[in-house]
Amino acid sequence: MDVLGVWIGAFLTLSFLSILFKENPFYRLAEHLYVGLAAGQAIVVGWLNVKNMAITPLAKEGRISMIVPLVLGLLVYS
């Protein structure tokens, strides 16, 4: 598995550097993969932070004071 990761990393690095010649399908593929993976990782990390820092203490420990930060945080997204 480590060898596969190295090959994928090398391919993506060369694909990003290929923009120096002109725009091509390999660069566009690498660009789309980068943006998509970054967005997916941000969503998952954000959800886990909300779950671990607000929902779990509210549900399991009964900390009612977590409602205010949870509601204010949800207002940011609306």
N, C-alpha and C. Protein backbone atom coordinates (compact mmCIF):
# COMPACT_ATOMS: atom_id res chain seq x y z
N MET A 1 0.83 -1.19 0.00
CA MET A 1 0.00 0.00 0.00
C MET A 1 0.87 1.25 0.00
N ASP A 2 2.01 1.22 0.66
CA ASP A 2 2.87 2.39 0.68
C ASP A 2 3.40 2.73 -0.70
N VAL A 3 3.70 1.70 -1.48
CA VAL A 3 4.21 1.92 -2.83
C VAL A 3 3.15 2.58 -3.70
N LEU A 4 1.89 2.16 -3.55
CA LEU A 4 0.80 2.76 -4.30
C LEU A 4 0.65 4.24 -3.96
N GLY A 5 0.76 4.57 -2.69
CA GLY A 5 0.66 5.96 -2.27
C GLY A 5 1.78 6.82 -2.83
N VAL A 6 2.97 6.26 -2.88
CA VAL A 6 4.10 6.99 -3.44
C VAL A 6 3.88 7.24 -4.93
N TRP A 7 3.39 6.24 -5.66
CA TRP A 7 3.15 6.41 -7.09
C TRP A 7 2.04 7.42 -7.36
N ILE A 8 1.00 7.38 -6.56
CA ILE A 8 -0.09 8.35 -6.73
C ILE A 8 0.42 9.76 -6.43
N GLY A 9 1.20 9.90 -5.37
CA GLY A 9 1.76 11.21 -5.04
C GLY A 9 2.69 11.73 -6.13
N ALA A 10 3.50 10.84 -6.69
CA ALA A 10 4.40 11.25 -7.77
C ALA A 10 3.61 11.67 -9.01
N PHE A 11 2.58 10.91 -9.35
CA PHE A 11 1.75 11.25 -10.50
C PHE A 11 1.07 12.60 -10.31
N LEU A 12 0.51 12.83 -9.12
CA LEU A 12 -0.17 14.10 -8.88
C LEU A 12 0.80 15.27 -8.86
N THR A 13 2.01 15.06 -8.33
CA THR A 13 3.01 16.12 -8.34
C THR A 13 3.39 16.48 -9.77
N LEU A 14 3.64 15.49 -10.59
CA LEU A 14 3.97 15.76 -11.99
C LEU A 14 2.78 16.38 -12.74
N SER A 15 1.58 15.98 -12.37
CA SER A 15 0.39 16.55 -13.01
C SER A 15 0.24 18.03 -12.66
N PHE A 16 0.52 18.38 -11.40
CA PHE A 16 0.46 19.79 -11.01
C PHE A 16 1.54 20.60 -11.71
N LEU A 17 2.70 20.04 -11.84
CA LEU A 17 3.80 20.76 -12.49
C LEU A 17 3.64 20.83 -14.00
N SER A 18 2.77 20.03 -14.58
CA SER A 18 2.59 20.05 -16.02
C SER A 18 1.92 21.33 -16.50
N ILE A 19 1.37 22.14 -15.59
CA ILE A 19 0.76 23.41 -15.99
C ILE A 19 1.83 24.36 -16.51
N LEU A 20 3.10 24.11 -16.20
CA LEU A 20 4.17 24.98 -16.68
C LEU A 20 4.29 24.95 -18.20
N PHE A 21 3.91 23.86 -18.82
CA PHE A 21 3.97 23.77 -20.28
C PHE A 21 2.72 24.38 -20.90
N LYS A 22 1.58 23.85 -20.57
CA LYS A 22 0.28 24.41 -20.93
C LYS A 22 -0.79 23.60 -20.20
N GLU A 23 -2.01 24.13 -20.17
CA GLU A 23 -3.07 23.41 -19.46
C GLU A 23 -3.40 22.13 -20.21
N ASN A 24 -3.56 21.05 -19.44
CA ASN A 24 -3.82 19.75 -20.04
C ASN A 24 -4.75 18.95 -19.15
N PRO A 25 -5.23 17.80 -19.61
CA PRO A 25 -6.19 17.00 -18.82
C PRO A 25 -5.59 16.47 -17.51
N PHE A 26 -4.29 16.20 -17.48
CA PHE A 26 -3.70 15.69 -16.24
C PHE A 26 -3.72 16.75 -15.14
N TYR A 27 -3.43 17.99 -15.52
CA TYR A 27 -3.48 19.08 -14.55
C TYR A 27 -4.90 19.28 -14.04
N ARG A 28 -5.86 19.25 -14.95
CA ARG A 28 -7.25 19.45 -14.54
C ARG A 28 -7.73 18.33 -13.62
N LEU A 29 -7.31 17.10 -13.90
CA LEU A 29 -7.65 15.98 -13.02
C LEU A 29 -7.07 16.19 -11.62
N ALA A 30 -5.80 16.55 -11.55
CA ALA A 30 -5.16 16.76 -10.26
C ALA A 30 -5.81 17.92 -9.52
N GLU A 31 -6.16 18.97 -10.23
CA GLU A 31 -6.80 20.13 -9.62
C GLU A 31 -8.17 19.76 -9.04
N HIS A 32 -8.96 19.02 -9.80
CA HIS A 32 -10.29 18.61 -9.33
C HIS A 32 -10.18 17.66 -8.14
N LEU A 33 -9.22 16.75 -8.18
CA LEU A 33 -9.02 15.84 -7.05
C LEU A 33 -8.64 16.60 -5.78
N TYR A 34 -7.75 17.57 -5.93
CA TYR A 34 -7.30 18.34 -4.77
C TYR A 34 -8.45 19.11 -4.14
N VAL A 35 -9.22 19.81 -4.95
CA VAL A 35 -10.33 20.60 -4.43
C VAL A 35 -11.40 19.70 -3.80
N GLY A 36 -11.72 18.60 -4.46
CA GLY A 36 -12.74 17.69 -3.94
C GLY A 36 -12.33 17.03 -2.63
N LEU A 37 -11.10 16.57 -2.56
CA LEU A 37 -10.63 15.93 -1.32
C LEU A 37 -10.52 16.93 -0.18
N ALA A 38 -10.10 18.16 -0.47
CA ALA A 38 -10.01 19.18 0.57
C ALA A 38 -11.40 19.54 1.11
N ALA A 39 -12.38 19.66 0.22
CA ALA A 39 -13.74 19.97 0.66
C ALA A 39 -14.33 18.83 1.48
N GLY A 40 -14.12 17.60 1.04
CA GLY A 40 -14.62 16.45 1.79
C GLY A 40 -13.99 16.33 3.16
N GLN A 41 -12.69 16.56 3.25
CA GLN A 41 -12.01 16.49 4.53
C GLN A 41 -12.49 17.60 5.47
N ALA A 42 -12.73 18.80 4.94
CA ALA A 42 -13.21 19.90 5.76
C ALA A 42 -14.60 19.61 6.32
N ILE A 43 -15.46 19.00 5.52
CA ILE A 43 -16.81 18.68 5.99
C ILE A 43 -16.75 17.62 7.09
N VAL A 44 -15.95 16.59 6.90
CA VAL A 44 -15.87 15.51 7.89
C VAL A 44 -15.27 16.02 9.20
N VAL A 45 -14.20 16.79 9.12
CA VAL A 45 -13.57 17.32 10.33
C VAL A 45 -14.51 18.28 11.05
N GLY A 46 -15.23 19.11 10.28
CA GLY A 46 -16.20 20.02 10.89
C GLY A 46 -17.31 19.28 11.61
N TRP A 47 -17.84 18.26 10.99
CA TRP A 47 -18.91 17.48 11.62
C TRP A 47 -18.41 16.77 12.88
N LEU A 48 -17.22 16.18 12.82
CA LEU A 48 -16.68 15.50 14.00
C LEU A 48 -16.43 16.49 15.14
N ASN A 49 -15.99 17.69 14.83
CA ASN A 49 -15.80 18.70 15.88
C ASN A 49 -17.12 19.08 16.53
N VAL A 50 -18.15 19.29 15.73
CA VAL A 50 -19.46 19.63 16.28
C VAL A 50 -19.99 18.48 17.12
N LYS A 51 -19.84 17.27 16.61
CA LYS A 51 -20.34 16.10 17.34
C LYS A 51 -19.60 15.91 18.67
N ASN A 52 -18.29 15.98 18.64
CA ASN A 52 -17.51 15.71 19.85
C ASN A 52 -17.54 16.85 20.86
N MET A 53 -17.65 18.09 20.40
CA MET A 53 -17.58 19.22 21.32
C MET A 53 -18.94 19.75 21.76
N ALA A 54 -20.00 19.44 21.03
CA ALA A 54 -21.30 20.01 21.39
C ALA A 54 -22.38 18.95 21.58
N ILE A 55 -22.55 18.07 20.62
CA ILE A 55 -23.68 17.13 20.69
C ILE A 55 -23.45 16.07 21.75
N THR A 56 -22.24 15.51 21.82
CA THR A 56 -21.97 14.47 22.81
C THR A 56 -22.10 14.99 24.25
N PRO A 57 -21.49 16.14 24.60
CA PRO A 57 -21.69 16.63 25.97
C PRO A 57 -23.14 16.98 26.27
N LEU A 58 -23.87 17.45 25.27
CA LEU A 58 -25.27 17.79 25.48
C LEU A 58 -26.11 16.54 25.71
N ALA A 59 -25.87 15.49 24.95
CA ALA A 59 -26.69 14.28 25.04
C ALA A 59 -26.29 13.38 26.20
N LYS A 60 -24.99 13.14 26.38
CA LYS A 60 -24.56 12.16 27.37
C LYS A 60 -24.34 12.75 28.76
N GLU A 61 -23.81 13.98 28.81
CA GLU A 61 -23.52 14.57 30.11
C GLU A 61 -24.62 15.50 30.58
N GLY A 62 -25.56 15.84 29.70
CA GLY A 62 -26.67 16.70 30.08
C GLY A 62 -26.27 18.15 30.28
N ARG A 63 -25.22 18.59 29.64
CA ARG A 63 -24.77 19.98 29.78
C ARG A 63 -25.63 20.88 28.90
N ILE A 64 -26.62 21.49 29.50
CA ILE A 64 -27.56 22.35 28.79
C ILE A 64 -26.86 23.60 28.26
N SER A 65 -25.76 23.99 28.87
CA SER A 65 -25.06 25.21 28.44
C SER A 65 -24.46 25.07 27.03
N MET A 66 -24.42 23.86 26.48
CA MET A 66 -23.88 23.65 25.14
C MET A 66 -24.88 24.01 24.05
N ILE A 67 -26.13 24.30 24.42
CA ILE A 67 -27.14 24.66 23.42
C ILE A 67 -26.81 26.01 22.78
N VAL A 68 -26.37 26.97 23.59
CA VAL A 68 -26.08 28.31 23.07
C VAL A 68 -24.96 28.27 22.02
N PRO A 69 -23.78 27.68 22.30
CA PRO A 69 -22.76 27.64 21.24
C PRO A 69 -23.19 26.83 20.02
N LEU A 70 -23.97 25.78 20.24
CA LEU A 70 -24.44 24.96 19.12
C LEU A 70 -25.37 25.76 18.21
N VAL A 71 -26.30 26.50 18.78
CA VAL A 71 -27.22 27.32 17.99
C VAL A 71 -26.46 28.44 17.29
N LEU A 72 -25.55 29.11 17.99
CA LEU A 72 -24.76 30.18 17.36
C LEU A 72 -23.90 29.63 16.23
N GLY A 73 -23.35 28.46 16.40
CA GLY A 73 -22.56 27.85 15.35
C GLY A 73 -23.38 27.48 14.13
N LEU A 74 -24.60 27.00 14.36
CA LEU A 74 -25.49 26.67 13.24
C LEU A 74 -25.96 27.92 12.52
N LEU A 75 -26.07 29.05 13.23
CA LEU A 75 -26.45 30.30 12.59
C LEU A 75 -25.39 30.78 11.61
N VAL A 76 -24.14 30.40 11.82
CA VAL A 76 -23.08 30.78 10.90
C VAL A 76 -23.33 30.15 9.54
N TYR A 77 -23.83 28.92 9.51
CA TYR A 77 -24.08 28.23 8.26
C TYR A 77 -25.38 28.66 7.58
N SER A 78 -26.25 29.34 8.31
CA SER A 78 -27.51 29.79 7.69
C SER A 78 -27.37 31.23 7.27
